[in-house]
Amino acid sequence: MEGSGAESVDAARERWWIGLRETEAFEYRADGHDFQRDEAVFREGFEAAMSMRDRVDRDPDADLKRRYPATYREPAFRRGYDRGRAYYRRLLADRRASPRDAA
């Protein structure tokens, strides 16, 4: 795919995060936390929320423990996870508010 000019999944994910990073850093710092120190774990939590977005009715703790055993209990991970869930809810609300034309 890359040979035909398509962007790699990793590159797309990095661009997506760059677009969100400043807002997330601002919010994190506003709560008195060190985003520079915690960014990797925070981002892991944020991305975990996005990867589990279709499981909104289930308690995610078992899945988080299984998939992220080293970090799922860290405050930065949890904060990122919560922010990721809120981000996904906003995306859904925006989609519902402005449905695309059926034509």
N, C-alpha and C. Protein backbone atom coordinates (compact mmCIF):
# COMPACT_ATOMS: atom_id res chain seq x y z
N MET A 1 0.82 -1.20 0.00
CA MET A 1 0.00 0.00 0.00
C MET A 1 0.86 1.26 0.00
N GLU A 2 1.93 1.24 0.80
CA GLU A 2 2.76 2.43 0.86
C GLU A 2 3.37 2.75 -0.49
N GLY A 3 3.69 1.69 -1.27
CA GLY A 3 4.26 1.89 -2.60
C GLY A 3 3.32 2.64 -3.53
N SER A 4 2.02 2.55 -3.27
CA SER A 4 1.05 3.25 -4.10
C SER A 4 0.68 4.61 -3.52
N GLY A 5 1.41 5.03 -2.48
CA GLY A 5 1.18 6.36 -1.91
C GLY A 5 0.25 6.38 -0.72
N ALA A 6 -0.22 5.22 -0.26
CA ALA A 6 -1.11 5.17 0.90
C ALA A 6 -0.28 5.40 2.17
N GLU A 7 -0.90 6.05 3.13
CA GLU A 7 -0.24 6.32 4.40
C GLU A 7 -0.28 5.07 5.27
N SER A 8 0.79 4.78 5.98
CA SER A 8 0.81 3.62 6.86
C SER A 8 -0.11 3.87 8.06
N VAL A 9 -0.55 2.82 8.66
CA VAL A 9 -1.41 2.94 9.84
C VAL A 9 -0.67 3.67 10.96
N ASP A 10 0.60 3.34 11.15
CA ASP A 10 1.38 4.01 12.19
C ASP A 10 1.51 5.51 11.92
N ALA A 11 1.75 5.87 10.66
CA ALA A 11 1.87 7.29 10.32
C ALA A 11 0.53 8.01 10.53
N ALA A 12 -0.56 7.36 10.15
CA ALA A 12 -1.88 7.96 10.34
C ALA A 12 -2.18 8.14 11.83
N ARG A 13 -1.83 7.13 12.62
CA ARG A 13 -2.05 7.22 14.07
C ARG A 13 -1.23 8.35 14.68
N GLU A 14 -0.02 8.51 14.22
CA GLU A 14 0.84 9.58 14.74
C GLU A 14 0.28 10.95 14.36
N ARG A 15 -0.18 11.10 13.13
CA ARG A 15 -0.78 12.38 12.71
C ARG A 15 -2.03 12.68 13.52
N TRP A 16 -2.84 11.66 13.76
CA TRP A 16 -4.07 11.80 14.55
C TRP A 16 -3.70 12.29 15.96
N TRP A 17 -2.69 11.67 16.58
CA TRP A 17 -2.31 12.08 17.93
C TRP A 17 -1.76 13.50 17.95
N ILE A 18 -0.97 13.86 16.98
CA ILE A 18 -0.42 15.22 16.91
C ILE A 18 -1.56 16.24 16.89
N GLY A 19 -2.64 15.91 16.20
CA GLY A 19 -3.80 16.80 16.15
C GLY A 19 -4.51 16.94 17.49
N LEU A 20 -4.41 15.95 18.33
CA LEU A 20 -5.07 15.97 19.64
C LEU A 20 -4.15 16.39 20.78
N ARG A 21 -2.87 16.24 20.57
CA ARG A 21 -1.88 16.34 21.64
C ARG A 21 -1.94 17.64 22.44
N GLU A 22 -1.99 18.76 21.78
CA GLU A 22 -1.95 20.04 22.50
C GLU A 22 -3.16 20.22 23.41
N THR A 23 -4.33 19.85 22.93
CA THR A 23 -5.54 19.96 23.76
C THR A 23 -5.43 19.06 24.97
N GLU A 24 -4.99 17.83 24.74
CA GLU A 24 -4.86 16.88 25.85
C GLU A 24 -3.79 17.32 26.84
N ALA A 25 -2.68 17.83 26.32
CA ALA A 25 -1.61 18.33 27.19
C ALA A 25 -2.11 19.49 28.04
N PHE A 26 -2.84 20.41 27.44
CA PHE A 26 -3.37 21.56 28.16
C PHE A 26 -4.28 21.11 29.31
N GLU A 27 -5.21 20.21 29.00
CA GLU A 27 -6.14 19.71 30.03
C GLU A 27 -5.40 18.98 31.14
N TYR A 28 -4.43 18.19 30.77
CA TYR A 28 -3.66 17.41 31.75
C TYR A 28 -2.88 18.34 32.68
N ARG A 29 -2.24 19.33 32.08
CA ARG A 29 -1.47 20.30 32.88
C ARG A 29 -2.38 21.14 33.76
N ALA A 30 -3.57 21.46 33.26
CA ALA A 30 -4.51 22.28 34.03
C ALA A 30 -4.91 21.58 35.33
N ASP A 31 -4.84 20.25 35.33
CA ASP A 31 -5.14 19.49 36.54
C ASP A 31 -3.91 19.28 37.42
N GLY A 32 -2.80 19.94 37.06
CA GLY A 32 -1.60 19.88 37.87
C GLY A 32 -0.67 18.72 37.59
N HIS A 33 -0.83 18.07 36.44
CA HIS A 33 -0.01 16.90 36.11
C HIS A 33 1.08 17.27 35.10
N ASP A 34 2.10 16.43 35.04
CA ASP A 34 3.25 16.63 34.15
C ASP A 34 3.03 15.82 32.86
N PHE A 35 2.52 16.47 31.84
CA PHE A 35 2.21 15.78 30.59
C PHE A 35 3.46 15.25 29.91
N GLN A 36 4.52 16.01 29.93
CA GLN A 36 5.75 15.56 29.29
C GLN A 36 6.22 14.23 29.88
N ARG A 37 6.16 14.12 31.18
CA ARG A 37 6.57 12.88 31.86
C ARG A 37 5.58 11.74 31.59
N ASP A 38 4.29 12.05 31.57
CA ASP A 38 3.25 11.02 31.54
C ASP A 38 2.65 10.75 30.16
N GLU A 39 3.10 11.46 29.14
CA GLU A 39 2.44 11.38 27.84
C GLU A 39 2.31 9.95 27.30
N ALA A 40 3.35 9.17 27.36
CA ALA A 40 3.29 7.82 26.77
C ALA A 40 2.22 6.96 27.43
N VAL A 41 2.12 7.01 28.76
CA VAL A 41 1.13 6.21 29.47
C VAL A 41 -0.27 6.80 29.26
N PHE A 42 -0.38 8.13 29.28
CA PHE A 42 -1.65 8.80 29.01
C PHE A 42 -2.16 8.41 27.62
N ARG A 43 -1.28 8.49 26.63
CA ARG A 43 -1.66 8.17 25.25
C ARG A 43 -2.07 6.71 25.14
N GLU A 44 -1.39 5.83 25.84
CA GLU A 44 -1.77 4.42 25.82
C GLU A 44 -3.20 4.25 26.33
N GLY A 45 -3.54 4.96 27.40
CA GLY A 45 -4.90 4.92 27.93
C GLY A 45 -5.91 5.50 26.95
N PHE A 46 -5.56 6.62 26.33
CA PHE A 46 -6.44 7.26 25.35
C PHE A 46 -6.70 6.31 24.19
N GLU A 47 -5.64 5.71 23.66
CA GLU A 47 -5.78 4.78 22.54
C GLU A 47 -6.51 3.51 22.96
N ALA A 48 -6.36 3.09 24.21
CA ALA A 48 -7.10 1.94 24.71
C ALA A 48 -8.60 2.21 24.66
N ALA A 49 -8.98 3.41 25.07
CA ALA A 49 -10.40 3.78 25.02
C ALA A 49 -10.92 3.75 23.59
N MET A 50 -10.12 4.21 22.66
CA MET A 50 -10.56 4.21 21.26
C MET A 50 -10.65 2.78 20.72
N SER A 51 -9.74 1.91 21.11
CA SER A 51 -9.77 0.54 20.61
C SER A 51 -10.91 -0.27 21.23
N MET A 52 -11.39 0.18 22.37
CA MET A 52 -12.47 -0.54 23.06
C MET A 52 -13.80 0.20 22.94
N ARG A 53 -13.89 1.13 22.03
CA ARG A 53 -15.06 2.02 21.95
C ARG A 53 -16.37 1.30 21.71
N ASP A 54 -16.35 0.14 21.09
CA ASP A 54 -17.60 -0.57 20.82
C ASP A 54 -18.07 -1.39 22.01
N ARG A 55 -17.33 -1.37 23.08
CA ARG A 55 -17.67 -2.16 24.26
C ARG A 55 -18.18 -1.26 25.38
N VAL A 56 -19.00 -0.30 25.04
CA VAL A 56 -19.41 0.73 26.00
C VAL A 56 -20.29 0.19 27.13
N ASP A 57 -20.99 -0.92 26.92
CA ASP A 57 -21.90 -1.41 27.94
C ASP A 57 -21.22 -2.35 28.94
N ARG A 58 -20.00 -2.75 28.65
CA ARG A 58 -19.29 -3.68 29.51
C ARG A 58 -18.34 -2.95 30.44
N ASP A 59 -18.05 -3.57 31.56
CA ASP A 59 -17.03 -3.05 32.47
C ASP A 59 -15.68 -3.35 31.83
N PRO A 60 -14.90 -2.34 31.53
CA PRO A 60 -13.66 -2.55 30.77
C PRO A 60 -12.49 -3.07 31.59
N ASP A 61 -12.60 -3.12 32.92
CA ASP A 61 -11.44 -3.45 33.74
C ASP A 61 -10.78 -4.78 33.38
N ALA A 62 -11.55 -5.82 33.13
CA ALA A 62 -10.95 -7.11 32.79
C ALA A 62 -10.18 -7.03 31.48
N ASP A 63 -10.76 -6.35 30.49
CA ASP A 63 -10.06 -6.20 29.21
C ASP A 63 -8.81 -5.35 29.36
N LEU A 64 -8.91 -4.26 30.12
CA LEU A 64 -7.75 -3.40 30.33
C LEU A 64 -6.64 -4.14 31.06
N LYS A 65 -7.01 -4.90 32.07
CA LYS A 65 -6.02 -5.67 32.83
C LYS A 65 -5.31 -6.67 31.92
N ARG A 66 -6.06 -7.32 31.06
CA ARG A 66 -5.49 -8.32 30.16
C ARG A 66 -4.61 -7.67 29.09
N ARG A 67 -5.06 -6.57 28.51
CA ARG A 67 -4.36 -5.95 27.39
C ARG A 67 -3.24 -4.99 27.81
N TYR A 68 -3.37 -4.40 28.99
CA TYR A 68 -2.40 -3.40 29.46
C TYR A 68 -1.99 -3.69 30.91
N PRO A 69 -1.47 -4.88 31.19
CA PRO A 69 -1.22 -5.27 32.58
C PRO A 69 -0.23 -4.38 33.32
N ALA A 70 0.70 -3.79 32.61
CA ALA A 70 1.73 -2.99 33.27
C ALA A 70 1.27 -1.57 33.60
N THR A 71 0.24 -1.09 32.91
CA THR A 71 -0.11 0.33 33.06
C THR A 71 -1.57 0.62 33.40
N TYR A 72 -2.45 -0.36 33.29
CA TYR A 72 -3.88 -0.04 33.37
C TYR A 72 -4.31 0.59 34.69
N ARG A 73 -3.54 0.42 35.75
CA ARG A 73 -3.90 1.02 37.04
C ARG A 73 -3.23 2.37 37.28
N GLU A 74 -2.32 2.75 36.42
CA GLU A 74 -1.62 4.03 36.63
C GLU A 74 -2.57 5.20 36.41
N PRO A 75 -2.46 6.22 37.25
CA PRO A 75 -3.34 7.38 37.10
C PRO A 75 -3.28 8.02 35.71
N ALA A 76 -2.10 8.10 35.12
CA ALA A 76 -1.99 8.71 33.78
C ALA A 76 -2.74 7.88 32.74
N PHE A 77 -2.67 6.56 32.86
CA PHE A 77 -3.40 5.68 31.94
C PHE A 77 -4.90 5.90 32.11
N ARG A 78 -5.35 5.90 33.35
CA ARG A 78 -6.79 6.08 33.62
C ARG A 78 -7.29 7.44 33.13
N ARG A 79 -6.48 8.45 33.34
CA ARG A 79 -6.86 9.79 32.86
C ARG A 79 -6.95 9.79 31.34
N GLY A 80 -5.97 9.18 30.68
CA GLY A 80 -6.01 9.08 29.22
C GLY A 80 -7.20 8.27 28.75
N TYR A 81 -7.49 7.19 29.46
CA TYR A 81 -8.64 6.35 29.10
C TYR A 81 -9.94 7.16 29.22
N ASP A 82 -10.09 7.87 30.31
CA ASP A 82 -11.30 8.69 30.49
C ASP A 82 -11.41 9.77 29.42
N ARG A 83 -10.30 10.41 29.09
CA ARG A 83 -10.31 11.44 28.05
C ARG A 83 -10.63 10.82 26.68
N GLY A 84 -10.11 9.63 26.43
CA GLY A 84 -10.40 8.95 25.18
C GLY A 84 -11.87 8.59 25.06
N ARG A 85 -12.47 8.15 26.16
CA ARG A 85 -13.91 7.83 26.16
C ARG A 85 -14.72 9.10 25.90
N ALA A 86 -14.35 10.20 26.53
CA ALA A 86 -15.06 11.47 26.31
C ALA A 86 -14.90 11.93 24.87
N TYR A 87 -13.72 11.78 24.32
CA TYR A 87 -13.46 12.14 22.93
C TYR A 87 -14.36 11.32 22.00
N TYR A 88 -14.46 10.03 22.24
CA TYR A 88 -15.31 9.18 21.40
C TYR A 88 -16.79 9.58 21.52
N ARG A 89 -17.24 9.89 22.72
CA ARG A 89 -18.63 10.33 22.89
C ARG A 89 -18.90 11.62 22.11
N ARG A 90 -17.92 12.54 22.10
CA ARG A 90 -18.07 13.78 21.32
C ARG A 90 -18.14 13.48 19.82
N LEU A 91 -17.32 12.55 19.36
CA LEU A 91 -17.37 12.17 17.94
C LEU A 91 -18.75 11.64 17.57
N LEU A 92 -19.30 10.78 18.40
CA LEU A 92 -20.63 10.23 18.15
C LEU A 92 -21.69 11.33 18.16
N ALA A 93 -21.61 12.23 19.12
CA ALA A 93 -22.58 13.32 19.21
C ALA A 93 -22.48 14.22 17.98
N ASP A 94 -21.28 14.51 17.54
CA ASP A 94 -21.09 15.34 16.35
C ASP A 94 -21.68 14.66 15.11
N ARG A 95 -21.48 13.36 15.00
CA ARG A 95 -22.04 12.63 13.85
C ARG A 95 -23.55 12.65 13.85
N ARG A 96 -24.13 12.50 15.03
CA ARG A 96 -25.59 12.52 15.12
C ARG A 96 -26.16 13.91 14.83
N ALA A 97 -25.42 14.93 15.22
CA ALA A 97 -25.89 16.31 15.04
C ALA A 97 -25.80 16.76 13.59
N SER A 98 -24.88 16.18 12.84
CA SER A 98 -24.74 16.61 11.44
C SER A 98 -24.65 15.39 10.52
N PRO A 99 -25.79 14.72 10.32
CA PRO A 99 -25.79 13.54 9.44
C PRO A 99 -25.45 13.94 8.02
N ARG A 100 -24.76 13.05 7.33
CA ARG A 100 -24.38 13.32 5.94
C ARG A 100 -25.61 13.19 5.04
N ASP A 101 -25.56 13.92 3.95
CA ASP A 101 -26.66 13.86 2.98
C ASP A 101 -26.75 12.46 2.42
N ALA A 102 -27.96 11.98 2.26
CA ALA A 102 -28.19 10.63 1.73
C ALA A 102 -28.13 10.62 0.21
N ALA A 103 -28.07 11.75 -0.43
CA ALA A 103 -28.10 11.82 -1.89
C ALA A 103 -26.86 11.40 -2.56
